[in-house]
Amino acid sequence: MRWLGRYGEGNQWKERGRVTGVTLTPTLATILFVIACLCGYKYRRVWKAEGPRWQLWLWGVLAAAGLLILGFVPLDLTG
């Protein structure tokens, strides 16, 4: 008798609790990284110039969102 594991037959346990089908292509990840870097650069320029707070929030949130997406969405490296 074959042991089916905790969540059922085969490799289904690997997909449990994970969003499938959401990946970044290397090209999209590169573009997102460049945009996040540019937003971070704009954030730093506004911060050093003691500019308006709304611009700090805008550039900071955009930079952080881009880096979080890069950090938590897997790359699709199946060519």
Protein backbone atom coordinates (compact mmCIF):
# COMPACT_ATOMS: atom_id res chain seq x y z
CA MET A 1 0.00 0.00 0.00
CA ARG A 2 1.30 3.39 -0.95
CA TRP A 3 1.48 6.17 1.62
CA LEU A 4 -0.48 9.18 0.37
CA GLY A 5 0.84 11.77 2.77
CA ARG A 6 -1.02 14.28 4.81
CA TYR A 7 -2.92 16.22 2.14
CA GLY A 8 -3.78 13.57 -0.39
CA GLU A 9 -2.26 11.83 -3.31
CA GLY A 10 0.93 12.76 -5.09
CA ASN A 11 2.43 16.22 -4.90
CA GLN A 12 -0.76 18.06 -3.97
CA TRP A 13 0.69 18.97 -0.57
CA LYS A 14 3.24 21.22 -2.29
CA GLU A 15 0.48 23.41 -3.71
CA ARG A 16 -1.53 23.72 -0.50
CA GLY A 17 -1.58 27.25 0.85
CA ARG A 18 0.30 28.65 -2.12
CA VAL A 19 -1.01 30.87 -4.90
CA THR A 20 -0.20 29.10 -8.13
CA GLY A 21 0.32 30.77 -11.45
CA VAL A 22 1.59 34.10 -10.10
CA THR A 23 5.17 34.54 -11.27
CA LEU A 24 7.40 37.25 -12.67
CA THR A 25 9.35 36.84 -15.87
CA PRO A 26 13.00 37.89 -15.67
CA THR A 27 12.32 40.84 -17.97
CA LEU A 28 9.42 42.08 -15.86
CA ALA A 29 11.44 41.58 -12.67
CA THR A 30 14.30 43.64 -14.13
CA ILE A 31 11.94 46.46 -15.14
CA LEU A 32 10.31 46.40 -11.71
CA PHE A 33 13.74 46.53 -10.04
CA VAL A 34 14.81 49.54 -12.12
CA ILE A 35 11.53 51.35 -11.34
CA ALA A 36 11.93 50.61 -7.61
CA CYS A 37 15.50 51.94 -7.69
CA LEU A 38 14.43 55.12 -9.47
CA CYS A 39 11.62 55.64 -6.95
CA GLY A 40 14.10 55.13 -4.11
CA TYR A 41 16.41 57.68 -5.70
CA LYS A 42 13.56 60.21 -5.97
CA TYR A 43 12.63 59.48 -2.33
CA ARG A 44 16.17 60.23 -1.20
CA ARG A 45 16.35 63.47 -3.21
CA VAL A 46 13.07 64.74 -1.71
CA TRP A 47 14.19 63.67 1.78
CA LYS A 48 17.56 65.44 1.51
CA ALA A 49 15.90 68.60 0.18
CA GLU A 50 13.29 68.43 2.98
CA GLY A 51 10.57 68.50 0.36
CA PRO A 52 6.85 67.98 0.74
CA ARG A 53 5.74 65.03 2.85
CA TRP A 54 3.31 63.76 0.23
CA GLN A 55 6.21 63.25 -2.19
CA LEU A 56 8.11 61.32 0.48
CA TRP A 57 5.12 59.04 0.92
CA LEU A 58 4.55 58.65 -2.80
CA TRP A 59 8.12 57.68 -3.73
CA GLY A 60 8.68 55.66 -0.56
CA VAL A 61 5.54 53.57 -0.97
CA LEU A 62 6.25 52.94 -4.65
CA ALA A 63 9.83 51.87 -3.93
CA ALA A 64 8.78 49.65 -1.04
CA ALA A 65 5.95 48.05 -3.04
CA GLY A 66 8.29 47.26 -5.92
CA LEU A 67 10.87 45.67 -3.65
CA LEU A 68 8.23 43.69 -1.74
CA ILE A 69 6.83 42.33 -4.98
CA LEU A 70 10.32 41.33 -6.07
CA GLY A 71 10.95 39.69 -2.73
CA PHE A 72 7.78 37.66 -2.43
CA VAL A 73 6.63 36.81 -5.98
CA PRO A 74 8.65 33.95 -7.48
CA LEU A 75 10.51 34.21 -10.77
CA ASP A 76 9.47 32.04 -13.69
CA LEU A 77 12.76 30.62 -14.94
CA THR A 78 11.28 27.97 -17.20
CA GLY A 79 12.48 29.33 -20.49
